[in-house]
Protein backbone atom coordinates (compact mmCIF):
# COMPACT_ATOMS: atom_id res chain seq x y z
CA MET A 1 35.21 -22.94 7.85
CA SER A 2 36.88 -21.43 10.89
CA LYS A 3 34.99 -19.85 13.75
CA MET A 4 35.07 -16.07 13.94
CA ASN A 5 35.86 -14.42 17.24
CA PRO A 6 33.08 -11.86 17.96
CA ALA A 7 35.54 -9.36 19.45
CA LYS A 8 37.79 -9.61 16.39
CA PHE A 9 34.77 -9.25 14.11
CA ILE A 10 33.70 -6.03 15.87
CA GLN A 11 37.27 -4.69 15.71
CA GLU A 12 37.52 -5.41 11.98
CA THR A 13 34.07 -3.92 11.36
CA ARG A 14 35.06 -0.69 13.11
CA ALA A 15 38.31 -0.58 11.11
CA GLU A 16 36.37 -0.92 7.85
CA ALA A 17 33.81 1.68 8.92
CA ALA A 18 36.64 4.13 9.62
CA LYS A 19 37.70 3.84 5.97
CA VAL A 20 34.32 5.10 4.71
CA VAL A 21 34.49 8.48 3.00
CA TRP A 22 31.19 10.31 3.37
CA PRO A 23 30.09 12.77 0.68
CA THR A 24 30.06 16.46 1.48
CA ARG A 25 26.80 18.34 1.87
CA ARG A 26 27.33 19.94 -1.55
CA GLU A 27 27.94 16.58 -3.24
CA THR A 28 24.78 15.19 -1.64
CA ILE A 29 22.68 18.14 -2.81
CA VAL A 30 24.07 18.05 -6.36
CA THR A 31 23.53 14.30 -6.60
CA THR A 32 19.97 14.61 -5.30
CA ILE A 33 19.17 17.32 -7.84
CA MET A 34 20.62 15.19 -10.64
CA VAL A 35 18.45 12.25 -9.58
CA PHE A 36 15.33 14.42 -9.75
CA VAL A 37 16.37 15.83 -13.14
CA MET A 38 17.04 12.38 -14.61
CA ALA A 39 13.77 10.99 -13.18
CA THR A 40 11.89 13.89 -14.79
CA VAL A 41 13.62 13.37 -18.14
CA ALA A 42 12.85 9.64 -18.02
CA ALA A 43 9.19 10.32 -17.13
CA ILE A 44 8.82 12.75 -20.04
CA PHE A 45 10.52 10.33 -22.43
CA PHE A 46 8.29 7.40 -21.44
CA PHE A 47 5.17 9.59 -21.58
CA ILE A 48 6.02 10.58 -25.17
CA VAL A 49 6.80 6.99 -26.16
CA ASP A 50 3.52 5.84 -24.59
CA GLN A 51 1.57 8.47 -26.52
CA VAL A 52 3.23 7.50 -29.82
CA ILE A 53 2.58 3.80 -29.27
CA GLY A 54 -1.03 4.57 -28.27
CA LEU A 55 -1.54 6.56 -31.47
CA GLY A 56 -0.09 3.70 -33.49
CA VAL A 57 -2.31 1.10 -31.84
CA ASN A 58 -5.40 3.30 -32.25
CA GLY A 59 -4.50 3.82 -35.91
CA ILE A 60 -4.14 0.10 -36.50
CA LEU A 61 -7.40 -0.68 -34.68
CA SER A 62 -9.33 2.00 -36.59
CA ILE A 63 -8.17 0.51 -39.90
CA ALA A 64 -9.33 -2.98 -38.86
CA GLY A 65 -12.64 -1.76 -37.46
């Protein structure tokens, strides 16, 4: 493995950083809103699934008891 020159490493790092395309403010806001919407949908879904499974388990345990 060859040694890396620190000056060359910094130069290449800056060149790569210059290629980064940052999202616009609007894209950031829309993406953030979508994350909150999807997290809410997932929370509601798992709450409903948990309630259904709980009802099933309680039903099975009441039959056995």
